[in-house]
Amino acid sequence: MGSGMKGLVMSTTLVATSGRNTGSAASRRLRREEKIPAVIYGQGMAPISVLIERRDLRNALSGAAGSNTILEISVDGNVYPAVVKEMQRHPVRRTVAHVDFLRINLSEELTISVPVHLVGEAKAVLAEGGLVDASSDTIDIVTTPANMPSEITIDITNMQPGDVIRLGEITLPAGTRALGDPELAIVTAIAGSKAEAAPAAAEVAPAAGDDKAKS
């Protein structure tokens, strides 16, 4: 059983414009113009209200790290390293309606949820009709932006029925540690009973006797 990381998160530039109007009329206009209101805050700075292009945000978060991507947000000549703290969506359309960006210090630790990706095929488990189950799609870790992995890969190739991979057994990149109980089961190989097809009982047709005519 093995595990590891898949690539470190790279930073992506996102251009924003400062200031925005408020109110329902302004919100409708922004939707028509495919712009999203957002705010940048953190590290002791006064919050900055900005606008971002919907397409630019989608492209910036389209990499393997997704919403954990480190963003270099450019506003009026200033650049703020940040990550997405919260993304609000329209209740009906489910499109992004507002984004909170948290300014970060590239040398300070932060807590994030990193996706778990299972690789390989547990043939010994499948051969017995079992399955491999991940108890969570993500793992919470503490890391610096420079060491932030885009995902945690766990190799299940050598798992046997009944095997468990626990949080403390997962290899993380240097400068990164997992949050939670080290004994927490992350991946479990669930044993199953082979479904043996019982031979179908042959249906025996009763012998038909010759009708005898009575005189």
N, C-alpha and C. Protein backbone atom coordinates (compact mmCIF):
# COMPACT_ATOMS: atom_id res chain seq x y z
N MET A 1 0.84 -1.19 0.00
CA MET A 1 0.00 0.00 0.00
C MET A 1 0.88 1.24 0.00
N GLY A 2 0.60 2.15 -0.88
CA GLY A 2 1.40 3.36 -0.96
C GLY A 2 0.54 4.57 -1.13
N SER A 3 1.12 5.70 -0.86
CA SER A 3 0.39 6.95 -1.04
C SER A 3 1.38 8.05 -1.31
N GLY A 4 0.87 9.19 -1.69
CA GLY A 4 1.77 10.30 -1.97
C GLY A 4 1.00 11.49 -2.47
N MET A 5 1.74 12.44 -3.01
CA MET A 5 1.11 13.65 -3.49
C MET A 5 1.19 13.68 -5.00
N LYS A 6 0.36 14.49 -5.60
CA LYS A 6 0.41 14.67 -7.03
C LYS A 6 0.61 16.15 -7.31
N GLY A 7 1.85 16.54 -7.50
CA GLY A 7 2.16 17.91 -7.89
C GLY A 7 1.87 18.93 -6.81
N LEU A 8 2.66 19.98 -6.79
CA LEU A 8 2.40 21.08 -5.88
C LEU A 8 1.55 22.12 -6.59
N VAL A 9 0.74 22.81 -5.82
CA VAL A 9 -0.15 23.81 -6.39
C VAL A 9 0.68 24.99 -6.90
N MET A 10 0.46 25.34 -8.14
CA MET A 10 1.14 26.48 -8.73
C MET A 10 0.23 27.70 -8.66
N SER A 11 0.84 28.88 -8.62
CA SER A 11 0.04 30.10 -8.54
C SER A 11 -0.46 30.50 -9.92
N THR A 12 -1.60 31.17 -9.94
CA THR A 12 -2.23 31.63 -11.17
C THR A 12 -2.63 33.08 -11.01
N THR A 13 -2.39 33.87 -12.04
CA THR A 13 -2.74 35.29 -11.98
C THR A 13 -4.21 35.50 -12.31
N LEU A 14 -4.87 36.34 -11.52
CA LEU A 14 -6.26 36.70 -11.74
C LEU A 14 -6.38 38.22 -11.66
N VAL A 15 -6.85 38.83 -12.73
CA VAL A 15 -6.98 40.29 -12.77
C VAL A 15 -8.36 40.69 -12.26
N ALA A 16 -8.40 41.67 -11.35
CA ALA A 16 -9.66 42.17 -10.80
C ALA A 16 -9.67 43.69 -10.89
N THR A 17 -10.87 44.25 -10.90
CA THR A 17 -11.02 45.71 -10.88
C THR A 17 -11.62 46.12 -9.55
N SER A 18 -11.15 47.21 -8.99
CA SER A 18 -11.60 47.63 -7.66
C SER A 18 -12.94 48.34 -7.73
N GLY A 19 -13.67 48.25 -6.61
CA GLY A 19 -14.95 48.95 -6.50
C GLY A 19 -16.07 48.24 -7.21
N ARG A 20 -17.27 48.41 -6.67
CA ARG A 20 -18.46 47.86 -7.33
C ARG A 20 -19.70 48.55 -6.78
N ASN A 21 -20.73 48.63 -7.63
CA ASN A 21 -22.01 49.17 -7.18
C ASN A 21 -22.82 48.08 -6.51
N THR A 22 -23.70 48.48 -5.61
CA THR A 22 -24.55 47.51 -4.92
C THR A 22 -26.00 47.69 -5.33
N GLY A 23 -26.83 46.72 -4.98
CA GLY A 23 -28.25 46.79 -5.32
C GLY A 23 -28.62 45.77 -6.38
N SER A 24 -29.92 45.50 -6.49
CA SER A 24 -30.40 44.47 -7.41
C SER A 24 -30.16 44.85 -8.87
N ALA A 25 -30.34 46.14 -9.20
CA ALA A 25 -30.12 46.57 -10.58
C ALA A 25 -28.67 46.37 -10.98
N ALA A 26 -27.75 46.71 -10.06
CA ALA A 26 -26.33 46.52 -10.35
C ALA A 26 -26.00 45.04 -10.48
N SER A 27 -26.63 44.21 -9.65
CA SER A 27 -26.38 42.77 -9.71
C SER A 27 -26.83 42.19 -11.05
N ARG A 28 -27.98 42.64 -11.53
CA ARG A 28 -28.46 42.16 -12.83
C ARG A 28 -27.52 42.59 -13.95
N ARG A 29 -27.03 43.81 -13.85
CA ARG A 29 -26.11 44.30 -14.88
C ARG A 29 -24.81 43.48 -14.87
N LEU A 30 -24.33 43.16 -13.68
CA LEU A 30 -23.10 42.37 -13.57
C LEU A 30 -23.29 40.98 -14.17
N ARG A 31 -24.47 40.38 -13.94
CA ARG A 31 -24.73 39.06 -14.51
C ARG A 31 -24.72 39.13 -16.03
N ARG A 32 -25.32 40.19 -16.57
CA ARG A 32 -25.33 40.33 -18.03
C ARG A 32 -23.92 40.49 -18.57
N GLU A 33 -23.08 41.18 -17.82
CA GLU A 33 -21.71 41.43 -18.26
C GLU A 33 -20.76 40.29 -17.87
N GLU A 34 -21.31 39.23 -17.27
CA GLU A 34 -20.51 38.06 -16.87
C GLU A 34 -19.39 38.46 -15.90
N LYS A 35 -19.74 39.33 -14.95
CA LYS A 35 -18.80 39.73 -13.92
C LYS A 35 -19.30 39.28 -12.55
N ILE A 36 -18.36 38.99 -11.66
CA ILE A 36 -18.70 38.47 -10.34
C ILE A 36 -18.15 39.41 -9.27
N PRO A 37 -18.99 39.87 -8.33
CA PRO A 37 -18.47 40.67 -7.21
C PRO A 37 -17.68 39.78 -6.25
N ALA A 38 -16.65 40.36 -5.66
CA ALA A 38 -15.80 39.60 -4.74
C ALA A 38 -15.19 40.55 -3.72
N VAL A 39 -14.58 39.96 -2.70
CA VAL A 39 -13.89 40.75 -1.68
C VAL A 39 -12.58 40.05 -1.35
N ILE A 40 -11.55 40.84 -1.11
CA ILE A 40 -10.24 40.32 -0.69
C ILE A 40 -9.99 40.83 0.72
N TYR A 41 -9.63 39.93 1.63
CA TYR A 41 -9.36 40.34 3.01
C TYR A 41 -8.35 39.39 3.63
N GLY A 42 -7.88 39.75 4.82
CA GLY A 42 -6.93 38.90 5.54
C GLY A 42 -5.57 39.55 5.67
N GLN A 43 -4.73 38.98 6.55
CA GLN A 43 -3.39 39.49 6.81
C GLN A 43 -3.41 40.94 7.27
N GLY A 44 -4.49 41.34 7.97
CA GLY A 44 -4.56 42.67 8.54
C GLY A 44 -4.93 43.78 7.58
N MET A 45 -5.21 43.44 6.32
CA MET A 45 -5.56 44.47 5.34
C MET A 45 -7.03 44.84 5.45
N ALA A 46 -7.36 46.06 5.06
CA ALA A 46 -8.76 46.46 4.98
C ALA A 46 -9.38 45.74 3.79
N PRO A 47 -10.58 45.17 3.94
CA PRO A 47 -11.20 44.45 2.83
C PRO A 47 -11.34 45.32 1.58
N ILE A 48 -11.09 44.70 0.43
CA ILE A 48 -11.19 45.40 -0.85
C ILE A 48 -12.30 44.75 -1.67
N SER A 49 -13.29 45.55 -2.09
CA SER A 49 -14.34 45.05 -2.97
C SER A 49 -13.86 45.13 -4.40
N VAL A 50 -14.01 44.03 -5.14
CA VAL A 50 -13.51 43.97 -6.51
C VAL A 50 -14.53 43.27 -7.41
N LEU A 51 -14.28 43.35 -8.70
CA LEU A 51 -15.04 42.62 -9.71
C LEU A 51 -14.09 41.75 -10.50
N ILE A 52 -14.53 40.53 -10.81
CA ILE A 52 -13.71 39.63 -11.63
C ILE A 52 -14.56 39.10 -12.78
N GLU A 53 -13.91 38.80 -13.87
CA GLU A 53 -14.59 38.22 -15.02
C GLU A 53 -14.90 36.75 -14.72
N ARG A 54 -16.13 36.34 -15.00
CA ARG A 54 -16.52 34.95 -14.73
C ARG A 54 -15.61 33.97 -15.47
N ARG A 55 -15.32 34.27 -16.72
CA ARG A 55 -14.46 33.38 -17.50
C ARG A 55 -13.06 33.29 -16.91
N ASP A 56 -12.53 34.43 -16.42
CA ASP A 56 -11.19 34.43 -15.84
C ASP A 56 -11.14 33.57 -14.57
N LEU A 57 -12.19 33.67 -13.74
CA LEU A 57 -12.23 32.86 -12.53
C LEU A 57 -12.30 31.38 -12.87
N ARG A 58 -13.15 31.04 -13.84
CA ARG A 58 -13.28 29.64 -14.25
C ARG A 58 -11.95 29.09 -14.75
N ASN A 59 -11.24 29.87 -15.55
CA ASN A 59 -9.95 29.42 -16.07
C ASN A 59 -8.91 29.29 -14.96
N ALA A 60 -8.94 30.24 -14.01
CA ALA A 60 -7.95 30.23 -12.93
C ALA A 60 -8.10 29.02 -12.03
N LEU A 61 -9.34 28.53 -11.88
CA LEU A 61 -9.60 27.41 -10.98
C LEU A 61 -9.76 26.09 -11.72
N SER A 62 -9.39 26.06 -12.99
CA SER A 62 -9.62 24.86 -13.80
C SER A 62 -8.51 23.82 -13.66
N GLY A 63 -7.44 24.14 -12.93
CA GLY A 63 -6.35 23.19 -12.76
C GLY A 63 -6.69 22.11 -11.76
N ALA A 64 -5.72 21.22 -11.51
CA ALA A 64 -5.93 20.08 -10.62
C ALA A 64 -6.26 20.51 -9.20
N ALA A 65 -5.76 21.67 -8.77
CA ALA A 65 -5.99 22.12 -7.39
C ALA A 65 -7.38 22.69 -7.19
N GLY A 66 -8.07 23.05 -8.27
CA GLY A 66 -9.42 23.58 -8.15
C GLY A 66 -9.47 24.82 -7.29
N SER A 67 -10.37 24.82 -6.31
CA SER A 67 -10.54 26.00 -5.45
C SER A 67 -9.38 26.21 -4.49
N ASN A 68 -8.43 25.25 -4.42
CA ASN A 68 -7.24 25.43 -3.59
C ASN A 68 -6.11 26.13 -4.34
N THR A 69 -6.35 26.50 -5.58
CA THR A 69 -5.32 27.17 -6.37
C THR A 69 -4.86 28.46 -5.69
N ILE A 70 -3.56 28.67 -5.65
CA ILE A 70 -3.02 29.93 -5.13
C ILE A 70 -3.16 30.98 -6.22
N LEU A 71 -3.85 32.05 -5.91
CA LEU A 71 -4.12 33.10 -6.88
C LEU A 71 -3.27 34.32 -6.58
N GLU A 72 -2.71 34.90 -7.62
CA GLU A 72 -2.04 36.19 -7.53
C GLU A 72 -3.03 37.20 -8.10
N ILE A 73 -3.81 37.83 -7.21
CA ILE A 73 -4.87 38.73 -7.66
C ILE A 73 -4.30 40.13 -7.87
N SER A 74 -4.40 40.59 -9.11
CA SER A 74 -3.87 41.90 -9.47
C SER A 74 -5.00 42.93 -9.45
N VAL A 75 -4.83 43.95 -8.59
CA VAL A 75 -5.84 45.01 -8.45
C VAL A 75 -5.14 46.37 -8.48
N ASP A 76 -5.40 47.14 -9.50
CA ASP A 76 -4.86 48.50 -9.60
C ASP A 76 -3.34 48.55 -9.38
N GLY A 77 -2.64 47.60 -9.95
CA GLY A 77 -1.19 47.60 -9.84
C GLY A 77 -0.64 46.89 -8.62
N ASN A 78 -1.50 46.51 -7.69
CA ASN A 78 -1.08 45.75 -6.52
C ASN A 78 -1.42 44.28 -6.70
N VAL A 79 -0.58 43.40 -6.16
CA VAL A 79 -0.80 41.96 -6.29
C VAL A 79 -0.97 41.35 -4.90
N TYR A 80 -2.05 40.58 -4.74
CA TYR A 80 -2.36 39.96 -3.45
C TYR A 80 -2.40 38.44 -3.62
N PRO A 81 -1.46 37.71 -3.00
CA PRO A 81 -1.57 36.24 -3.02
C PRO A 81 -2.77 35.83 -2.17
N ALA A 82 -3.62 34.97 -2.71
CA ALA A 82 -4.86 34.63 -2.01
C ALA A 82 -5.36 33.26 -2.46
N VAL A 83 -6.29 32.73 -1.66
CA VAL A 83 -7.01 31.51 -2.02
C VAL A 83 -8.50 31.78 -1.85
N VAL A 84 -9.31 30.95 -2.48
CA VAL A 84 -10.76 31.09 -2.32
C VAL A 84 -11.15 30.62 -0.92
N LYS A 85 -11.76 31.51 -0.16
CA LYS A 85 -12.24 31.16 1.18
C LYS A 85 -13.68 30.67 1.13
N GLU A 86 -14.50 31.34 0.34
CA GLU A 86 -15.91 30.95 0.21
C GLU A 86 -16.42 31.37 -1.16
N MET A 87 -17.24 30.51 -1.74
CA MET A 87 -17.83 30.79 -3.04
C MET A 87 -19.34 30.64 -2.92
N GLN A 88 -20.06 31.74 -3.03
CA GLN A 88 -21.52 31.70 -2.92
C GLN A 88 -22.13 31.51 -4.31
N ARG A 89 -23.19 30.71 -4.37
CA ARG A 89 -23.83 30.43 -5.65
C ARG A 89 -25.28 30.90 -5.65
N HIS A 90 -25.77 31.21 -6.84
CA HIS A 90 -27.16 31.61 -7.00
C HIS A 90 -28.05 30.42 -6.61
N PRO A 91 -29.10 30.64 -5.81
CA PRO A 91 -29.91 29.51 -5.32
C PRO A 91 -30.61 28.72 -6.40
N VAL A 92 -30.87 29.33 -7.55
CA VAL A 92 -31.57 28.63 -8.63
C VAL A 92 -30.61 28.27 -9.76
N ARG A 93 -29.88 29.25 -10.26
CA ARG A 93 -29.00 29.01 -11.40
C ARG A 93 -27.75 28.22 -11.03
N ARG A 94 -27.35 28.27 -9.74
CA ARG A 94 -26.15 27.61 -9.23
C ARG A 94 -24.87 28.18 -9.81
N THR A 95 -24.96 29.33 -10.45
CA THR A 95 -23.76 30.01 -10.92
C THR A 95 -23.12 30.75 -9.75
N VAL A 96 -21.83 31.04 -9.86
CA VAL A 96 -21.12 31.74 -8.79
C VAL A 96 -21.65 33.17 -8.70
N ALA A 97 -22.10 33.56 -7.50
CA ALA A 97 -22.68 34.89 -7.30
C ALA A 97 -21.74 35.83 -6.56
N HIS A 98 -20.84 35.27 -5.74
CA HIS A 98 -19.92 36.11 -4.96
C HIS A 98 -18.77 35.24 -4.48
N VAL A 99 -17.58 35.83 -4.39
CA VAL A 99 -16.40 35.08 -3.94
C VAL A 99 -15.69 35.86 -2.84
N ASP A 100 -15.32 35.14 -1.77
CA ASP A 100 -14.46 35.69 -0.73
C ASP A 100 -13.05 35.16 -0.96
N PHE A 101 -12.10 36.06 -1.16
CA PHE A 101 -10.70 35.67 -1.32
C PHE A 101 -9.96 35.98 -0.02
N LEU A 102 -9.22 35.00 0.50
CA LEU A 102 -8.44 35.18 1.71
C LEU A 102 -6.99 35.44 1.33
N ARG A 103 -6.51 36.63 1.68
CA ARG A 103 -5.11 36.93 1.42
C ARG A 103 -4.22 36.06 2.30
N ILE A 104 -3.14 35.54 1.73
CA ILE A 104 -2.27 34.63 2.47
C ILE A 104 -0.83 35.14 2.45
N ASN A 105 -0.07 34.65 3.42
CA ASN A 105 1.37 34.86 3.45
C ASN A 105 1.99 33.56 2.95
N LEU A 106 2.78 33.63 1.90
CA LEU A 106 3.31 32.42 1.27
C LEU A 106 4.22 31.62 2.19
N SER A 107 4.66 32.21 3.30
CA SER A 107 5.54 31.49 4.22
C SER A 107 4.81 31.03 5.48
N GLU A 108 3.52 31.34 5.59
CA GLU A 108 2.75 30.96 6.77
C GLU A 108 1.84 29.77 6.46
N GLU A 109 1.57 28.97 7.50
CA GLU A 109 0.72 27.80 7.33
C GLU A 109 -0.75 28.19 7.20
N LEU A 110 -1.49 27.35 6.47
CA LEU A 110 -2.93 27.49 6.39
C LEU A 110 -3.54 26.10 6.35
N THR A 111 -4.82 26.02 6.67
CA THR A 111 -5.53 24.74 6.69
C THR A 111 -6.42 24.64 5.46
N ILE A 112 -6.28 23.54 4.73
CA ILE A 112 -7.08 23.33 3.52
C ILE A 112 -7.55 21.88 3.46
N SER A 113 -8.55 21.63 2.62
CA SER A 113 -9.00 20.27 2.33
C SER A 113 -8.47 19.88 0.96
N VAL A 114 -7.75 18.76 0.90
CA VAL A 114 -7.13 18.32 -0.34
C VAL A 114 -7.84 17.06 -0.83
N PRO A 115 -8.16 16.98 -2.13
CA PRO A 115 -8.85 15.79 -2.66
C PRO A 115 -8.01 14.53 -2.51
N VAL A 116 -8.70 13.41 -2.27
CA VAL A 116 -8.08 12.08 -2.23
C VAL A 116 -8.35 11.39 -3.55
N HIS A 117 -7.29 10.81 -4.13
CA HIS A 117 -7.43 10.12 -5.42
C HIS A 117 -6.87 8.71 -5.28
N LEU A 118 -7.71 7.70 -5.48
CA LEU A 118 -7.28 6.31 -5.40
C LEU A 118 -6.73 5.88 -6.75
N VAL A 119 -5.57 5.21 -6.73
CA VAL A 119 -4.97 4.72 -7.97
C VAL A 119 -4.72 3.22 -7.84
N GLY A 120 -4.66 2.54 -8.98
CA GLY A 120 -4.43 1.10 -8.98
C GLY A 120 -5.72 0.32 -8.90
N GLU A 121 -5.58 -1.00 -8.91
CA GLU A 121 -6.73 -1.89 -8.85
C GLU A 121 -6.44 -3.00 -7.84
N ALA A 122 -7.28 -3.10 -6.84
CA ALA A 122 -7.10 -4.11 -5.79
C ALA A 122 -7.66 -5.44 -6.29
N LYS A 123 -6.88 -6.15 -7.10
CA LYS A 123 -7.38 -7.37 -7.74
C LYS A 123 -7.73 -8.46 -6.73
N ALA A 124 -6.96 -8.53 -5.64
CA ALA A 124 -7.24 -9.56 -4.63
C ALA A 124 -8.60 -9.33 -3.98
N VAL A 125 -8.97 -8.07 -3.83
CA VAL A 125 -10.26 -7.74 -3.23
C VAL A 125 -11.39 -8.02 -4.21
N LEU A 126 -11.19 -7.58 -5.44
CA LEU A 126 -12.23 -7.78 -6.46
C LEU A 126 -12.46 -9.25 -6.75
N ALA A 127 -11.39 -10.05 -6.66
CA ALA A 127 -11.51 -11.48 -6.95
C ALA A 127 -12.43 -12.18 -5.98
N GLU A 128 -12.59 -11.61 -4.80
CA GLU A 128 -13.47 -12.22 -3.80
C GLU A 128 -14.81 -11.50 -3.70
N GLY A 129 -15.10 -10.70 -4.72
CA GLY A 129 -16.38 -10.01 -4.74
C GLY A 129 -16.46 -8.83 -3.81
N GLY A 130 -15.31 -8.34 -3.34
CA GLY A 130 -15.30 -7.20 -2.42
C GLY A 130 -15.16 -5.88 -3.15
N LEU A 131 -14.97 -4.82 -2.39
CA LEU A 131 -14.78 -3.50 -2.98
C LEU A 131 -13.90 -2.66 -2.07
N VAL A 132 -13.31 -1.62 -2.66
CA VAL A 132 -12.47 -0.68 -1.91
C VAL A 132 -13.25 0.61 -1.73
N ASP A 133 -13.38 1.05 -0.49
CA ASP A 133 -14.22 2.20 -0.18
C ASP A 133 -13.40 3.29 0.51
N ALA A 134 -13.48 4.52 -0.03
CA ALA A 134 -12.85 5.67 0.62
C ALA A 134 -13.89 6.34 1.51
N SER A 135 -13.55 6.53 2.78
CA SER A 135 -14.50 7.10 3.72
C SER A 135 -14.69 8.60 3.52
N SER A 136 -13.75 9.23 2.80
CA SER A 136 -13.85 10.67 2.57
C SER A 136 -13.21 11.01 1.23
N ASP A 137 -13.74 12.04 0.58
CA ASP A 137 -13.18 12.50 -0.69
C ASP A 137 -12.01 13.45 -0.49
N THR A 138 -11.85 13.95 0.74
CA THR A 138 -10.80 14.93 1.02
C THR A 138 -10.11 14.61 2.34
N ILE A 139 -8.92 15.19 2.51
CA ILE A 139 -8.19 15.12 3.77
C ILE A 139 -7.83 16.54 4.17
N ASP A 140 -8.08 16.90 5.42
CA ASP A 140 -7.72 18.22 5.92
C ASP A 140 -6.24 18.22 6.31
N ILE A 141 -5.50 19.18 5.77
CA ILE A 141 -4.08 19.26 6.08
C ILE A 141 -3.70 20.69 6.46
N VAL A 142 -2.58 20.80 7.17
CA VAL A 142 -1.97 22.09 7.48
C VAL A 142 -0.67 22.16 6.70
N THR A 143 -0.49 23.22 5.94
CA THR A 143 0.68 23.32 5.08
C THR A 143 0.95 24.78 4.74
N THR A 144 2.10 25.03 4.17
CA THR A 144 2.38 26.35 3.62
C THR A 144 2.00 26.33 2.14
N PRO A 145 1.68 27.47 1.56
CA PRO A 145 1.34 27.49 0.14
C PRO A 145 2.41 26.87 -0.75
N ALA A 146 3.67 27.01 -0.36
CA ALA A 146 4.75 26.46 -1.18
C ALA A 146 4.74 24.94 -1.20
N ASN A 147 4.17 24.30 -0.16
CA ASN A 147 4.16 22.84 -0.07
C ASN A 147 2.78 22.25 -0.33
N MET A 148 1.83 23.07 -0.77
CA MET A 148 0.46 22.62 -0.90
C MET A 148 0.30 21.65 -2.08
N PRO A 149 -0.10 20.38 -1.82
CA PRO A 149 -0.31 19.44 -2.92
C PRO A 149 -1.67 19.67 -3.58
N SER A 150 -1.75 19.35 -4.87
CA SER A 150 -3.03 19.50 -5.56
C SER A 150 -3.98 18.37 -5.20
N GLU A 151 -3.43 17.20 -4.84
CA GLU A 151 -4.25 16.08 -4.38
C GLU A 151 -3.35 15.07 -3.68
N ILE A 152 -3.97 14.17 -2.93
CA ILE A 152 -3.25 13.09 -2.26
C ILE A 152 -3.62 11.79 -2.97
N THR A 153 -2.62 11.09 -3.51
CA THR A 153 -2.88 9.83 -4.19
C THR A 153 -2.62 8.67 -3.23
N ILE A 154 -3.48 7.68 -3.28
CA ILE A 154 -3.35 6.49 -2.45
C ILE A 154 -3.40 5.27 -3.36
N ASP A 155 -2.33 4.48 -3.36
CA ASP A 155 -2.24 3.29 -4.20
C ASP A 155 -2.91 2.11 -3.49
N ILE A 156 -3.94 1.56 -4.12
CA ILE A 156 -4.69 0.46 -3.49
C ILE A 156 -4.35 -0.89 -4.12
N THR A 157 -3.34 -0.93 -4.99
CA THR A 157 -3.03 -2.13 -5.76
C THR A 157 -2.84 -3.36 -4.88
N ASN A 158 -2.09 -3.23 -3.79
CA ASN A 158 -1.73 -4.39 -2.98
C ASN A 158 -2.67 -4.64 -1.80
N MET A 159 -3.80 -3.97 -1.78
CA MET A 159 -4.73 -4.18 -0.66
C MET A 159 -5.35 -5.57 -0.73
N GLN A 160 -5.51 -6.17 0.45
CA GLN A 160 -6.16 -7.46 0.59
C GLN A 160 -7.50 -7.27 1.29
N PRO A 161 -8.42 -8.21 1.15
CA PRO A 161 -9.71 -8.09 1.85
C PRO A 161 -9.50 -7.86 3.34
N GLY A 162 -10.16 -6.85 3.88
CA GLY A 162 -10.04 -6.52 5.29
C GLY A 162 -8.97 -5.49 5.60
N ASP A 163 -8.12 -5.15 4.63
CA ASP A 163 -7.07 -4.15 4.86
C ASP A 163 -7.68 -2.76 5.06
N VAL A 164 -6.98 -1.95 5.85
CA VAL A 164 -7.40 -0.57 6.10
C VAL A 164 -6.19 0.35 5.97
N ILE A 165 -6.33 1.44 5.25
CA ILE A 165 -5.30 2.47 5.21
C ILE A 165 -5.77 3.61 6.10
N ARG A 166 -4.96 3.90 7.12
CA ARG A 166 -5.35 4.90 8.11
C ARG A 166 -4.65 6.24 7.83
N LEU A 167 -5.21 7.29 8.41
CA LEU A 167 -4.71 8.63 8.15
C LEU A 167 -3.22 8.74 8.43
N GLY A 168 -2.77 8.13 9.53
CA GLY A 168 -1.36 8.22 9.91
C GLY A 168 -0.43 7.48 8.98
N GLU A 169 -0.95 6.62 8.10
CA GLU A 169 -0.13 5.85 7.19
C GLU A 169 0.06 6.53 5.83
N ILE A 170 -0.63 7.62 5.62
CA ILE A 170 -0.58 8.29 4.33
C ILE A 170 0.63 9.22 4.27
N THR A 171 1.41 9.07 3.22
CA THR A 171 2.60 9.90 3.03
C THR A 171 2.20 11.28 2.51
N LEU A 172 2.64 12.30 3.21
CA LEU A 172 2.35 13.68 2.82
C LEU A 172 3.65 14.38 2.47
N PRO A 173 3.58 15.44 1.67
CA PRO A 173 4.81 16.16 1.31
C PRO A 173 5.45 16.83 2.51
N ALA A 174 6.73 17.11 2.40
CA ALA A 174 7.46 17.79 3.48
C ALA A 174 6.78 19.11 3.80
N GLY A 175 6.74 19.43 5.09
CA GLY A 175 6.12 20.68 5.51
C GLY A 175 4.61 20.62 5.57
N THR A 176 4.07 19.40 5.51
CA THR A 176 2.61 19.22 5.52
C THR A 176 2.25 18.19 6.57
N ARG A 177 1.17 18.43 7.31
CA ARG A 177 0.70 17.45 8.28
C ARG A 177 -0.83 17.36 8.21
N ALA A 178 -1.32 16.17 8.50
CA ALA A 178 -2.76 15.94 8.44
C ALA A 178 -3.42 16.32 9.76
N LEU A 179 -4.65 16.77 9.68
CA LEU A 179 -5.45 17.05 10.86
C LEU A 179 -6.37 15.86 11.12
N GLY A 180 -6.49 15.48 12.38
CA GLY A 180 -7.40 14.39 12.70
C GLY A 180 -6.68 13.24 13.38
N ASP A 181 -7.45 12.23 13.75
CA ASP A 181 -6.94 11.05 14.45
C ASP A 181 -6.11 10.21 13.49
N PRO A 182 -4.84 9.91 13.82
CA PRO A 182 -4.02 9.08 12.93
C PRO A 182 -4.61 7.70 12.68
N GLU A 183 -5.48 7.23 13.59
CA GLU A 183 -6.09 5.91 13.43
C GLU A 183 -7.35 5.95 12.58
N LEU A 184 -7.73 7.13 12.12
CA LEU A 184 -8.94 7.26 11.31
C LEU A 184 -8.80 6.47 10.01
N ALA A 185 -9.77 5.61 9.72
CA ALA A 185 -9.75 4.83 8.48
C ALA A 185 -10.10 5.73 7.30
N ILE A 186 -9.20 5.78 6.33
CA ILE A 186 -9.43 6.58 5.13
C ILE A 186 -9.88 5.70 3.97
N VAL A 187 -9.25 4.53 3.83
CA VAL A 187 -9.63 3.59 2.77
C VAL A 187 -9.77 2.20 3.38
N THR A 188 -10.85 1.52 3.05
CA THR A 188 -11.10 0.18 3.58
C THR A 188 -11.39 -0.79 2.45
N ALA A 189 -10.74 -1.96 2.51
CA ALA A 189 -11.02 -3.03 1.55
C ALA A 189 -12.07 -3.94 2.17
N ILE A 190 -13.27 -3.85 1.66
CA ILE A 190 -14.40 -4.59 2.23
C ILE A 190 -14.49 -5.95 1.57
N ALA A 191 -14.41 -6.99 2.40
CA ALA A 191 -14.49 -8.35 1.87
C ALA A 191 -15.92 -8.66 1.46
N GLY A 192 -16.03 -9.46 0.40
CA GLY A 192 -17.35 -9.85 -0.07
C GLY A 192 -17.38 -11.34 -0.35
N SER A 193 -18.54 -11.95 -0.30
CA SER A 193 -18.65 -13.37 -0.60
C SER A 193 -18.88 -13.56 -2.08
N LYS A 194 -18.18 -14.52 -2.64
CA LYS A 194 -18.37 -14.79 -4.06
C LYS A 194 -19.78 -15.29 -4.30
N ALA A 195 -20.37 -14.73 -5.29
CA ALA A 195 -21.72 -15.18 -5.63
C ALA A 195 -21.60 -16.39 -6.54
N GLU A 196 -21.81 -17.53 -5.95
CA GLU A 196 -21.72 -18.75 -6.74
C GLU A 196 -23.09 -19.08 -7.28
N ALA A 197 -23.12 -19.17 -8.56
CA ALA A 197 -24.42 -19.46 -9.20
C ALA A 197 -24.80 -20.91 -8.95
N ALA A 198 -25.91 -21.07 -8.31
CA ALA A 198 -26.39 -22.44 -8.07
C ALA A 198 -26.99 -22.97 -9.36
N PRO A 199 -26.66 -24.22 -9.68
CA PRO A 199 -27.23 -24.78 -10.91
C PRO A 199 -28.74 -24.82 -10.84
N ALA A 200 -29.33 -24.38 -11.89
CA ALA A 200 -30.79 -24.37 -11.92
C ALA A 200 -31.31 -25.79 -11.94
N ALA A 201 -32.30 -26.02 -11.12
CA ALA A 201 -32.88 -27.37 -11.07
C ALA A 201 -33.65 -27.63 -12.36
N ALA A 202 -33.34 -28.77 -12.90
CA ALA A 202 -34.02 -29.13 -14.15
C ALA A 202 -35.48 -29.45 -13.86
N GLU A 203 -36.29 -28.82 -14.63
CA GLU A 203 -37.72 -29.06 -14.43
C GLU A 203 -38.12 -30.31 -15.20
N VAL A 204 -38.61 -31.29 -14.46
CA VAL A 204 -38.98 -32.55 -15.09
C VAL A 204 -40.46 -32.54 -15.40
N ALA A 205 -40.75 -32.71 -16.64
CA ALA A 205 -42.16 -32.72 -17.05
C ALA A 205 -42.76 -34.06 -16.71
N PRO A 206 -43.93 -34.09 -16.14
CA PRO A 206 -44.57 -35.37 -15.82
C PRO A 206 -44.91 -36.14 -17.08
N ALA A 207 -44.70 -37.45 -16.98
CA ALA A 207 -45.01 -38.28 -18.15
C ALA A 207 -46.50 -38.31 -18.37
N ALA A 208 -46.84 -38.13 -19.58
CA ALA A 208 -48.27 -38.13 -19.91
C ALA A 208 -48.71 -39.54 -20.28
N GLY A 209 -49.68 -40.07 -19.57
CA GLY A 209 -50.17 -41.41 -19.88
C GLY A 209 -51.18 -41.38 -21.01
N ASP A 210 -51.25 -42.51 -21.72
CA ASP A 210 -52.21 -42.59 -22.82
C ASP A 210 -53.61 -42.70 -22.26
N ASP A 211 -54.48 -41.89 -22.78
CA ASP A 211 -55.87 -41.99 -22.36
C ASP A 211 -56.48 -43.26 -22.93
N LYS A 212 -57.11 -43.96 -22.07
CA LYS A 212 -57.76 -45.19 -22.54
C LYS A 212 -59.26 -44.97 -22.59
N ALA A 213 -59.79 -45.29 -23.73
CA ALA A 213 -61.23 -45.12 -23.90
C ALA A 213 -61.97 -46.23 -23.19
N LYS A 214 -62.98 -45.82 -22.49
CA LYS A 214 -63.79 -46.83 -21.80
C LYS A 214 -64.97 -47.19 -22.70
N SER A 215 -65.23 -48.47 -22.72
CA SER A 215 -66.36 -48.91 -23.52
C SER A 215 -67.60 -48.96 -22.66
